[in-house]
Amino acid sequence: MRACYNSLTLSATHRNSSTGDEFSDPVGASTSASAQASASEDAPLYVNAKQYHRILKRREARQRLAALRRSLNKEKVRYIHESRHKHAMRRPRGPGGRFLSSAERAALAAQE
C-alpha cells in the first residue's frame, strides 16, 4: 500500500490577539524543536493526505475566531461627538432627568 502525502508550508504564523505574541501553527508544533530549527522555513512539511483538508479547515476556523475576538475587544463608543456630550452634561435637568426649558429654569431660579 502506497502512502499519499500533501505538502503544507509552515510559513504562516499566527498572532495571539490577547498578548500580541506570534506562534507557529500546531502542525509545526507536533514536530520536535530541533527538527524545525534544522529545516528551513521554505521547506514544505509533508502531512497525511486524509488530514490535509482538516488542517486547512482548522486554520480557517482559528483565523475566524481570532477576528471575532478582535472585534469583541473593541469598546463600544458611547457617544459620537464629544462636544455635544459635554454640552448635554452641563445643561440643568429636572427631577425626572429631562432637560429643563427656559421657563422651567427661570421658575427654578426664582424658587432658590
C-alpha atoms as a PDB file:
ATOM      1  CA  MET A   1       0.000   0.000   0.000  1.00  0.00           C
ATOM      2  CA  ARG A   2       1.431   3.336  -1.047  1.00  0.00           C
ATOM      3  CA  ALA A   3       1.143   6.384   1.254  1.00  0.00           C
ATOM      4  CA  CYS A   4      -0.079   9.609  -0.285  1.00  0.00           C
ATOM      5  CA  TYR A   5       1.114  12.933   1.157  1.00  0.00           C
ATOM      6  CA  ASN A   6       0.339  16.582   0.557  1.00  0.00           C
ATOM      7  CA  SER A   7       2.806  19.343   1.290  1.00  0.00           C
ATOM      8  CA  LEU A   8       1.910  22.015   3.812  1.00  0.00           C
ATOM      9  CA  THR A   9       4.070  25.073   4.363  1.00  0.00           C
ATOM     10  CA  LEU A  10       4.756  26.392   7.834  1.00  0.00           C
ATOM     11  CA  SER A  11       5.482  29.941   6.772  1.00  0.00           C
ATOM     12  CA  ALA A  12       2.138  31.136   8.149  1.00  0.00           C
ATOM     13  CA  THR A  13       2.417  32.385  11.707  1.00  0.00           C
ATOM     14  CA  HIS A  14      -0.458  33.395  13.891  1.00  0.00           C
ATOM     15  CA  ARG A  15      -0.731  36.291  16.317  1.00  0.00           C
ATOM     16  CA  ASN A  16      -2.274  35.792  19.735  1.00  0.00           C
ATOM     17  CA  SER A  17      -4.943  38.512  20.000  1.00  0.00           C
ATOM     18  CA  SER A  18      -4.716  38.896  23.774  1.00  0.00           C
ATOM     19  CA  THR A  19      -0.929  39.161  24.146  1.00  0.00           C
ATOM     20  CA  GLY A  20       0.197  40.022  20.626  1.00  0.00           C
ATOM     21  CA  ASP A  21       2.709  37.146  20.600  1.00  0.00           C
ATOM     22  CA  GLU A  22       3.328  35.221  17.412  1.00  0.00           C
ATOM     23  CA  PHE A  23       3.183  31.453  17.414  1.00  0.00           C
ATOM     24  CA  SER A  24       3.501  28.740  14.795  1.00  0.00           C
ATOM     25  CA  ASP A  25       0.736  26.556  13.525  1.00  0.00           C
ATOM     26  CA  PRO A  26       0.015  23.471  15.675  1.00  0.00           C
ATOM     27  CA  VAL A  27       1.022  21.312  12.712  1.00  0.00           C
ATOM     28  CA  GLY A  28       4.565  22.562  13.227  1.00  0.00           C
ATOM     29  CA  ALA A  29       4.209  22.171  16.995  1.00  0.00           C
ATOM     30  CA  SER A  30       3.880  18.396  16.645  1.00  0.00           C
ATOM     31  CA  THR A  31       7.392  18.128  15.241  1.00  0.00           C
ATOM     32  CA  SER A  32      10.388  18.468  17.513  1.00  0.00           C
ATOM     33  CA  ALA A  33      12.033  21.856  18.014  1.00  0.00           C
ATOM     34  CA  SER A  34      15.391  20.609  16.770  1.00  0.00           C
ATOM     35  CA  ALA A  35      13.801  19.317  13.573  1.00  0.00           C
ATOM     36  CA  GLN A  36      12.190  22.706  12.994  1.00  0.00           C
ATOM     37  CA  ALA A  37      15.467  24.522  13.618  1.00  0.00           C
ATOM     38  CA  SER A  38      17.311  22.351  11.129  1.00  0.00           C
ATOM     39  CA  ALA A  39      14.601  22.609   8.457  1.00  0.00           C
ATOM     40  CA  SER A  40      14.434  25.831   6.519  1.00  0.00           C
ATOM     41  CA  GLU A  41      11.289  27.991   6.623  1.00  0.00           C
ATOM     42  CA  ASP A  42      10.597  27.452   2.916  1.00  0.00           C
ATOM     43  CA  ALA A  43      10.796  23.668   3.060  1.00  0.00           C
ATOM     44  CA  PRO A  44       7.338  22.058   2.889  1.00  0.00           C
ATOM     45  CA  LEU A  45       6.073  19.795   5.652  1.00  0.00           C
ATOM     46  CA  TYR A  46       4.512  16.620   4.337  1.00  0.00           C
ATOM     47  CA  VAL A  47       1.282  15.585   6.009  1.00  0.00           C
ATOM     48  CA  ASN A  48      -1.149  12.741   5.520  1.00  0.00           C
ATOM     49  CA  ALA A  49      -3.478  13.432   2.583  1.00  0.00           C
ATOM     50  CA  LYS A  50      -6.524  12.499   4.654  1.00  0.00           C
ATOM     51  CA  GLN A  51      -5.558  15.078   7.296  1.00  0.00           C
ATOM     52  CA  TYR A  52      -4.698  17.887   4.869  1.00  0.00           C
ATOM     53  CA  HIS A  53      -8.248  19.195   4.378  1.00  0.00           C
ATOM     54  CA  ARG A  54      -8.929  19.175   8.130  1.00  0.00           C
ATOM     55  CA  ILE A  55      -5.685  21.069   8.861  1.00  0.00           C
ATOM     56  CA  LEU A  56      -6.675  23.817   6.418  1.00  0.00           C
ATOM     57  CA  LYS A  57     -10.194  23.917   7.833  1.00  0.00           C
ATOM     58  CA  ARG A  58      -8.801  24.229  11.377  1.00  0.00           C
ATOM     59  CA  ARG A  59      -6.550  27.120  10.284  1.00  0.00           C
ATOM     60  CA  GLU A  60      -9.530  28.962   8.765  1.00  0.00           C
ATOM     61  CA  ALA A  61     -11.590  28.406  11.913  1.00  0.00           C
ATOM     62  CA  ARG A  62      -8.726  29.725  14.051  1.00  0.00           C
ATOM     63  CA  GLN A  63      -8.488  32.862  11.876  1.00  0.00           C
ATOM     64  CA  ARG A  64     -12.251  33.441  12.142  1.00  0.00           C
ATOM     65  CA  LEU A  65     -12.101  33.042  15.922  1.00  0.00           C
ATOM     66  CA  ALA A  66      -9.183  35.476  16.167  1.00  0.00           C
ATOM     67  CA  ALA A  67     -11.091  38.029  14.058  1.00  0.00           C
ATOM     68  CA  LEU A  68     -14.153  37.597  16.256  1.00  0.00           C
ATOM     69  CA  ARG A  69     -12.092  38.151  19.400  1.00  0.00           C
ATOM     70  CA  ARG A  70     -10.575  41.301  17.908  1.00  0.00           C
ATOM     71  CA  SER A  71     -13.999  42.681  17.051  1.00  0.00           C
ATOM     72  CA  LEU A  72     -15.381  41.902  20.536  1.00  0.00           C
ATOM     73  CA  ASN A  73     -12.428  43.530  22.279  1.00  0.00           C
ATOM     74  CA  LYS A  74     -13.166  46.926  20.773  1.00  0.00           C
ATOM     75  CA  GLU A  75     -15.065  49.151  23.154  1.00  0.00           C
ATOM     76  CA  LYS A  76     -18.406  50.470  22.008  1.00  0.00           C
ATOM     77  CA  VAL A  77     -18.407  54.243  21.565  1.00  0.00           C
ATOM     78  CA  ARG A  78     -20.988  55.707  23.929  1.00  0.00           C
ATOM     79  CA  TYR A  79     -21.424  58.963  22.012  1.00  0.00           C
ATOM     80  CA  ILE A  80     -20.251  60.231  18.661  1.00  0.00           C
ATOM     81  CA  HIS A  81     -19.474  63.890  19.352  1.00  0.00           C
ATOM     82  CA  GLU A  82     -17.535  64.817  22.475  1.00  0.00           C
ATOM     83  CA  SER A  83     -18.607  68.493  22.405  1.00  0.00           C
ATOM     84  CA  ARG A  84     -22.325  67.609  22.277  1.00  0.00           C
ATOM     85  CA  HIS A  85     -21.868  65.230  25.185  1.00  0.00           C
ATOM     86  CA  LYS A  86     -20.133  67.895  27.287  1.00  0.00           C
ATOM     87  CA  HIS A  87     -22.864  70.417  26.468  1.00  0.00           C
ATOM     88  CA  ALA A  88     -25.603  67.979  27.476  1.00  0.00           C
ATOM     89  CA  MET A  89     -23.796  67.178  30.734  1.00  0.00           C
ATOM     90  CA  ARG A  90     -23.736  70.904  31.645  1.00  0.00           C
ATOM     91  CA  ARG A  91     -27.444  71.513  30.974  1.00  0.00           C
ATOM     92  CA  PRO A  92     -29.721  71.641  34.032  1.00  0.00           C
ATOM     93  CA  ARG A  93     -32.136  68.744  34.397  1.00  0.00           C
ATOM     94  CA  GLY A  94     -35.446  68.272  36.115  1.00  0.00           C
ATOM     95  CA  PRO A  95     -36.297  65.632  38.711  1.00  0.00           C
ATOM     96  CA  GLY A  96     -37.077  63.010  36.029  1.00  0.00           C
ATOM     97  CA  GLY A  97     -33.812  63.633  34.195  1.00  0.00           C
ATOM     98  CA  ARG A  98     -35.353  65.675  31.369  1.00  0.00           C
ATOM     99  CA  PHE A  99     -33.728  68.907  30.261  1.00  0.00           C
ATOM    100  CA  LEU A 100     -35.385  71.983  31.710  1.00  0.00           C
ATOM    101  CA  SER A 101     -36.952  74.517  29.353  1.00  0.00           C
ATOM    102  CA  SER A 102     -36.097  78.196  29.715  1.00  0.00           C
ATOM    103  CA  ALA A 103     -39.387  78.808  31.590  1.00  0.00           C
ATOM    104  CA  GLU A 104     -38.675  75.908  33.944  1.00  0.00           C
ATOM    105  CA  ARG A 105     -35.144  77.182  34.540  1.00  0.00           C
ATOM    106  CA  ALA A 106     -36.497  80.648  35.369  1.00  0.00           C
ATOM    107  CA  ALA A 107     -39.032  79.153  37.779  1.00  0.00           C
ATOM    108  CA  LEU A 108     -36.330  77.046  39.435  1.00  0.00           C
ATOM    109  CA  ALA A 109     -34.065  80.089  39.797  1.00  0.00           C
ATOM    110  CA  ALA A 110     -36.948  82.099  41.355  1.00  0.00           C
ATOM    111  CA  GLN A 111     -37.505  79.381  43.960  1.00  0.00           C
ATOM    112  CA  GLU A 112     -33.867  79.475  45.044  1.00  0.00           C
END
